[in-house]
Structure formats: C-alpha cells, structure tokens
Amino acid sequence: MVKIRNPLFSLGAHGSVGTVLTYSKRKSGNQVRLQRGQKDVITDERTTMREYYAEALEKWHTLTDSEKQEWTEFNRV
C-alpha cells in the first residue's frame, strides 16, 4: 500500500502501487521505480538441479532422527 504525504512527488511517498510502481526515498531524493515481473525461465540446468534437490529431499526424509542429528552436527563444523 502506498503512503502519500501531501501531493505526490512533493514531500514524500513510499510503497507500491499494485505490482507496477514502487515509491521510495533515497539519499538523492524521492524515487519511483518500475517493477517488472521476473521471468521464470526453465533451462535444462535448472531442471536438473531441481531433480537433484527433490532426490536429496526424498532421501533426507528416509533418515531416522538420530541420522539427521548426526548429519546436522557434522555440517556445523
């Protein structure tokens, strides 16, 4: 939600209007930025990494609590 103090672009505004404009205050003064949506690009590398992660997570869930504790302590070092 945008919070406006006095007319826009005068004393201040901060926050977002929908998902398009973001108002903020910087050292140099007030700023308005266009927020573009990020593209969700699916690449072969990204798909491979997601598969690795899913497999690791599946294996993690098969561990006993004591095995998980050992692994957690081992990785703290």
Protein backbone atom coordinates (compact mmCIF):
# COMPACT_ATOMS: atom_id res chain seq x y z
CA MET A 1 0.00 0.00 0.00
CA VAL A 2 1.32 3.43 -0.91
CA LYS A 3 1.53 6.05 1.82
CA ILE A 4 1.43 9.58 0.49
CA ARG A 5 2.22 12.74 2.43
CA ASN A 6 0.91 15.87 0.71
CA PRO A 7 0.65 15.88 -3.12
CA LEU A 8 2.53 13.13 -4.89
CA PHE A 9 6.17 13.93 -5.76
CA SER A 10 6.34 16.79 -3.24
CA LEU A 11 7.16 15.80 0.37
CA GLY A 12 7.08 12.06 0.11
CA ALA A 13 5.57 8.78 -0.92
CA HIS A 14 6.65 5.20 -0.25
CA GLY A 15 5.28 1.77 -1.02
CA SER A 16 3.93 0.08 -4.13
CA VAL A 17 1.02 0.76 -6.44
CA GLY A 18 -0.22 -2.68 -7.41
CA THR A 19 2.73 -4.64 -8.72
CA VAL A 20 3.93 -1.98 -11.13
CA LEU A 21 5.29 1.15 -9.40
CA THR A 22 7.32 1.39 -6.20
CA TYR A 23 7.90 4.72 -4.46
CA SER A 24 10.83 5.17 -2.09
CA LYS A 25 13.10 7.81 -0.61
CA ARG A 26 16.85 7.73 -1.28
CA LYS A 27 19.68 10.00 -0.19
CA SER A 28 19.34 11.75 -3.52
CA GLY A 29 15.59 12.32 -3.05
CA ASN A 30 12.33 10.59 -3.85
CA GLN A 31 12.39 7.76 -6.36
CA VAL A 32 9.81 5.91 -8.44
CA ARG A 33 10.79 2.53 -9.90
CA LEU A 34 9.02 0.38 -12.44
CA GLN A 35 8.83 -3.15 -11.05
CA ARG A 36 8.84 -5.61 -13.87
CA GLY A 37 7.80 -9.17 -13.24
CA GLN A 38 10.64 -11.65 -13.23
CA LYS A 39 10.66 -14.24 -15.95
CA ASP A 40 10.63 -17.84 -14.83
CA VAL A 41 12.99 -19.27 -17.40
CA ILE A 42 13.14 -23.05 -17.30
CA THR A 43 16.55 -24.25 -18.50
CA ASP A 44 17.96 -27.75 -18.69
CA GLU A 45 20.45 -26.91 -15.93
CA ARG A 46 17.71 -25.59 -13.66
CA THR A 47 15.54 -28.65 -14.25
CA THR A 48 18.50 -30.92 -13.46
CA MET A 49 19.23 -29.07 -10.20
CA ARG A 50 15.58 -29.28 -9.17
CA GLU A 51 15.65 -33.03 -9.79
CA TYR A 52 18.82 -33.37 -7.66
CA TYR A 53 17.20 -31.37 -4.88
CA ALA A 54 13.99 -33.44 -4.99
CA GLU A 55 16.02 -36.65 -4.83
CA ALA A 56 18.11 -35.38 -1.89
CA LEU A 57 14.96 -34.28 -0.05
CA GLU A 58 13.37 -37.66 -0.60
CA LYS A 59 16.46 -39.38 0.82
CA TRP A 60 16.55 -36.97 3.78
CA HIS A 61 13.00 -37.99 4.73
CA THR A 62 14.04 -41.65 4.82
CA LEU A 63 16.70 -40.96 7.52
CA THR A 64 15.97 -41.64 11.18
CA ASP A 65 16.01 -38.78 13.67
CA SER A 66 19.40 -39.86 15.03
CA GLU A 67 20.87 -39.96 11.50
CA LYS A 68 19.52 -36.49 10.80
CA GLN A 69 21.02 -35.25 14.08
CA GLU A 70 24.43 -36.74 13.20
CA TRP A 71 24.33 -35.13 9.77
CA THR A 72 23.35 -31.76 11.23
CA GLU A 73 26.18 -31.88 13.80
CA PHE A 74 28.68 -32.98 11.13
CA ASN A 75 27.81 -29.95 8.96
CA ARG A 76 28.13 -27.41 11.79
CA VAL A 77 31.90 -27.84 11.76
